[in-house]
Amino acid sequence: MRSLALSLFLGFGCWCTAAAQDAAGDMVIIDLRPDDEKGGFGLAELSGKCNREVFRIPDVATDPMKIDVLKADLSAALPDAGAGKTLAVLNWSIYYNKQVRGGSGSGLSSVGVGGYSIPTKKKDGGRQPGSLCPKRDTAGGFYDGSELESVYFPLISEFSGTFAGKPVTARVLVSPRRKLAGKFEGDEADADALLDAIHKTAESIAMTLAR
């Protein structure tokens, strides 16, 4: 009899937990980004002399689009899948940065497959990867050459928003492991690098919320 009562009690407890989660509903994402961050159908080069060769990658470059991938990743990573909570996306762009700096002329020192070399201590005047201007003077997608893990131009994801009213930011840099077409119009290598940036952004957000 006691065993039956205990089973009924535990069963009722599980039902209550499930019912509470159902009542709370799924995590909600509200996209409050400016139109220039979520619209468009091709790479958009940023304006200004410090931003040449820096491109914003459009949302339509992935299927499903990055907001949907982010929601799926966070739902899998957060306790209770973030049920009943709201993620407000205030800004989120992923940039493809093809800038190199330093040196003169068109040559590169120790040219890599991606068009430039990994930075070294050798002062030979050759061009090296890295944003042309200090971060404060760039419109987005800043990177330092020391961040790279390969010889290919990087993707930089910059995110800001709130989760359940708590401010959250994330910045991740992805160094592709193979040469990209760099058009983000369906090429497999392009898509893999872009999805990697999205997944790592979600991971960074989840880690921040867990602190």
Protein backbone atom coordinates (compact mmCIF):
# COMPACT_ATOMS: atom_id res chain seq x y z
CA MET A 1 0.00 0.00 0.00
CA ARG A 2 2.79 2.39 0.94
CA SER A 3 4.56 1.50 -2.28
CA LEU A 4 1.45 2.30 -4.28
CA ALA A 5 0.99 5.62 -2.48
CA LEU A 6 4.63 6.54 -3.07
CA SER A 7 4.33 5.70 -6.75
CA LEU A 8 1.22 7.83 -7.06
CA PHE A 9 2.91 10.70 -5.24
CA LEU A 10 6.01 10.57 -7.43
CA GLY A 11 3.89 10.31 -10.52
CA PHE A 12 1.87 13.32 -9.43
CA GLY A 13 5.08 15.25 -8.74
CA CYS A 14 6.43 14.52 -12.22
CA TRP A 15 3.11 15.52 -13.75
CA CYS A 16 3.15 18.80 -11.82
CA THR A 17 6.69 19.58 -13.01
CA ALA A 18 5.81 18.86 -16.61
CA ALA A 19 2.62 20.86 -16.32
CA ALA A 20 4.53 23.81 -14.87
CA GLN A 21 7.00 23.69 -17.74
CA ASP A 22 4.18 23.51 -20.28
CA ALA A 23 2.48 26.47 -18.61
CA ALA A 24 5.69 28.47 -18.71
CA GLY A 25 5.98 27.88 -22.45
CA ASP A 26 9.04 27.87 -24.66
CA MET A 27 11.82 30.39 -24.51
CA VAL A 28 10.87 33.48 -26.51
CA ILE A 29 13.28 35.42 -28.72
CA ILE A 30 12.44 39.00 -29.64
CA ASP A 31 14.53 40.36 -32.49
CA LEU A 32 15.02 44.09 -31.88
CA ARG A 33 17.97 44.59 -34.17
CA PRO A 34 18.10 47.51 -36.61
CA ASP A 35 16.98 46.66 -40.13
CA ASP A 36 20.51 46.89 -41.53
CA GLU A 37 21.60 44.06 -39.21
CA LYS A 38 18.94 41.57 -40.24
CA GLY A 39 18.01 42.49 -43.79
CA GLY A 40 19.72 42.08 -47.14
CA PHE A 41 20.61 39.16 -49.36
CA GLY A 42 24.33 39.52 -49.89
CA LEU A 43 27.52 40.61 -48.19
CA ALA A 44 27.35 44.25 -47.12
CA GLU A 45 30.66 46.08 -46.87
CA LEU A 46 30.81 48.49 -43.96
CA SER A 47 31.35 52.15 -44.80
CA GLY A 48 34.33 54.27 -43.80
CA LYS A 49 38.06 54.07 -44.44
CA CYS A 50 38.63 51.93 -41.33
CA ASN A 51 36.04 49.39 -42.47
CA ARG A 52 36.98 48.57 -46.03
CA GLU A 53 37.12 44.82 -46.68
CA VAL A 54 34.89 44.17 -43.65
CA PHE A 55 31.55 42.62 -44.59
CA ARG A 56 28.35 41.93 -42.65
CA ILE A 57 26.99 38.47 -43.50
CA PRO A 58 23.20 38.45 -44.03
CA ASP A 59 20.85 36.29 -41.97
CA VAL A 60 19.69 34.46 -45.10
CA ALA A 61 23.18 32.99 -45.55
CA THR A 62 22.16 30.06 -43.32
CA ASP A 63 19.14 27.77 -43.43
CA PRO A 64 17.69 27.79 -40.83
CA MET A 65 18.55 31.41 -40.17
CA LYS A 66 20.87 32.28 -37.31
CA ILE A 67 18.17 33.43 -34.85
CA ASP A 68 16.51 30.02 -35.12
CA VAL A 69 19.85 28.22 -34.68
CA LEU A 70 20.59 30.36 -31.64
CA LYS A 71 17.24 29.51 -30.05
CA ALA A 72 17.75 25.79 -30.63
CA ASP A 73 21.26 25.89 -29.17
CA LEU A 74 20.26 27.87 -26.09
CA SER A 75 17.20 25.69 -25.50
CA ALA A 76 19.50 22.66 -25.43
CA ALA A 77 22.08 24.32 -23.18
CA LEU A 78 19.97 26.15 -20.59
CA PRO A 79 18.19 24.60 -17.57
CA ASP A 80 14.53 23.89 -18.41
CA ALA A 81 15.38 24.97 -21.97
CA GLY A 82 14.96 28.57 -20.87
CA ALA A 83 11.21 27.99 -20.59
CA GLY A 84 9.17 31.10 -19.82
CA LYS A 85 12.12 33.44 -20.32
CA THR A 86 12.72 36.01 -23.04
CA LEU A 87 15.89 36.70 -24.98
CA ALA A 88 15.85 40.16 -26.52
CA VAL A 89 18.38 40.51 -29.32
CA LEU A 90 19.45 44.15 -29.49
CA ASN A 91 22.43 43.78 -31.83
CA TRP A 92 23.95 40.77 -33.54
CA SER A 93 26.11 40.77 -36.63
CA ILE A 94 28.60 38.28 -37.98
CA TYR A 95 31.39 39.86 -39.98
CA TYR A 96 33.84 38.51 -42.54
CA ASN A 97 37.03 40.56 -42.14
CA LYS A 98 39.58 40.50 -44.96
CA GLN A 99 41.78 43.29 -43.69
CA VAL A 100 45.56 43.04 -43.42
CA ARG A 101 47.84 45.72 -42.07
CA GLY A 102 51.40 46.97 -42.13
CA GLY A 103 54.16 46.94 -44.69
CA SER A 104 54.23 48.54 -48.08
CA GLY A 105 53.59 47.37 -51.59
CA SER A 106 51.49 44.35 -52.48
CA GLY A 107 53.70 41.59 -51.12
CA LEU A 108 53.08 39.56 -47.99
CA SER A 109 55.66 38.07 -45.67
CA SER A 110 55.53 34.27 -45.55
CA VAL A 111 52.34 34.22 -47.58
CA GLY A 112 49.71 31.82 -46.25
CA VAL A 113 47.04 30.02 -48.23
CA GLY A 114 44.40 32.54 -47.18
CA GLY A 115 46.37 35.49 -48.46
CA TYR A 116 48.45 36.41 -45.45
CA SER A 117 50.69 34.92 -42.79
CA ILE A 118 50.21 34.19 -39.13
CA PRO A 119 51.89 37.04 -37.20
CA THR A 120 55.48 36.43 -36.17
CA LYS A 121 58.07 38.41 -34.24
CA LYS A 122 60.08 38.87 -37.41
CA LYS A 123 60.18 42.56 -38.33
CA ASP A 124 60.46 42.29 -42.08
CA GLY A 125 57.93 44.95 -43.03
CA GLY A 126 55.55 42.43 -44.58
CA ARG A 127 51.80 42.76 -44.32
CA GLN A 128 50.16 40.97 -41.40
CA PRO A 129 46.55 40.11 -40.47
CA GLY A 130 44.59 42.42 -38.23
CA SER A 131 42.17 45.33 -38.41
CA LEU A 132 43.52 48.50 -40.00
CA CYS A 133 42.37 50.81 -37.19
CA PRO A 134 41.95 50.65 -33.42
CA LYS A 135 38.71 49.03 -32.27
CA ARG A 136 37.21 52.36 -31.21
CA ASP A 137 37.41 53.56 -34.83
CA THR A 138 35.79 50.52 -36.45
CA ALA A 139 32.09 49.94 -37.11
CA GLY A 140 32.30 46.22 -36.32
CA GLY A 141 34.28 43.06 -36.89
CA PHE A 142 37.52 44.22 -35.30
CA TYR A 143 40.21 41.57 -34.78
CA ASP A 144 43.83 41.31 -33.79
CA GLY A 145 46.14 39.02 -35.70
CA SER A 146 47.15 37.23 -32.50
CA GLU A 147 43.61 35.84 -32.20
CA LEU A 148 43.89 33.72 -35.36
CA GLU A 149 44.35 29.98 -35.34
CA SER A 150 44.70 29.50 -39.09
CA VAL A 151 45.87 31.40 -42.17
CA TYR A 152 42.36 32.19 -43.40
CA PHE A 153 40.37 35.39 -43.00
CA PRO A 154 38.23 35.25 -39.83
CA LEU A 155 34.56 35.55 -38.99
CA ILE A 156 33.72 37.70 -35.96
CA SER A 157 30.35 37.44 -34.20
CA GLU A 158 29.28 40.36 -31.99
CA PHE A 159 26.12 39.99 -29.89
CA SER A 160 24.33 42.13 -27.31
CA GLY A 161 20.94 41.66 -25.72
CA THR A 162 19.11 40.76 -22.54
CA PHE A 163 17.95 37.42 -21.13
CA ALA A 164 15.16 37.56 -18.56
CA GLY A 165 16.10 41.22 -18.12
CA LYS A 166 19.79 40.50 -17.56
CA PRO A 167 22.25 42.17 -19.99
CA VAL A 168 24.33 39.71 -21.97
CA THR A 169 27.06 40.20 -24.55
CA ALA A 170 29.19 37.85 -26.59
CA ARG A 171 32.04 38.14 -29.04
CA VAL A 172 33.60 35.16 -30.76
CA LEU A 173 36.16 34.82 -33.53
CA VAL A 174 36.24 31.83 -35.86
CA SER A 175 39.38 30.95 -37.80
CA PRO A 176 38.25 28.75 -40.72
CA ARG A 177 40.18 25.51 -41.17
CA ARG A 178 39.96 25.66 -44.95
CA LYS A 179 39.83 28.33 -47.62
CA LEU A 180 36.44 29.99 -48.01
CA ALA A 181 34.77 31.14 -51.19
CA GLY A 182 33.85 34.13 -49.05
CA LYS A 183 30.53 34.88 -50.76
CA PHE A 184 28.24 33.08 -48.28
CA GLU A 185 25.78 32.07 -50.96
CA GLY A 186 25.64 28.33 -50.37
CA ASP A 187 29.26 27.16 -50.55
CA GLU A 188 29.82 24.33 -48.06
CA ALA A 189 32.95 25.77 -46.48
CA ASP A 190 31.29 29.18 -46.10
CA ALA A 191 28.22 27.61 -44.48
CA ASP A 192 30.29 25.49 -42.08
CA ALA A 193 32.32 28.49 -40.88
CA LEU A 194 29.20 30.60 -40.43
CA LEU A 195 27.36 27.91 -38.47
CA ASP A 196 30.46 27.46 -36.32
CA ALA A 197 30.31 31.17 -35.47
CA ILE A 198 26.61 30.90 -34.56
CA HIS A 199 27.10 27.82 -32.37
CA LYS A 200 30.04 29.41 -30.57
CA THR A 201 28.01 32.57 -29.98
CA ALA A 202 25.27 30.51 -28.35
CA GLU A 203 27.86 28.68 -26.26
CA SER A 204 29.35 31.97 -25.09
CA ILE A 205 25.91 33.32 -24.13
CA ALA A 206 25.04 30.13 -22.24
CA MET A 207 28.32 30.28 -20.33
CA THR A 208 27.70 33.91 -19.38
CA LEU A 209 24.20 33.11 -18.10
CA ALA A 210 25.52 30.21 -16.03
CA ARG A 211 27.86 32.45 -14.01
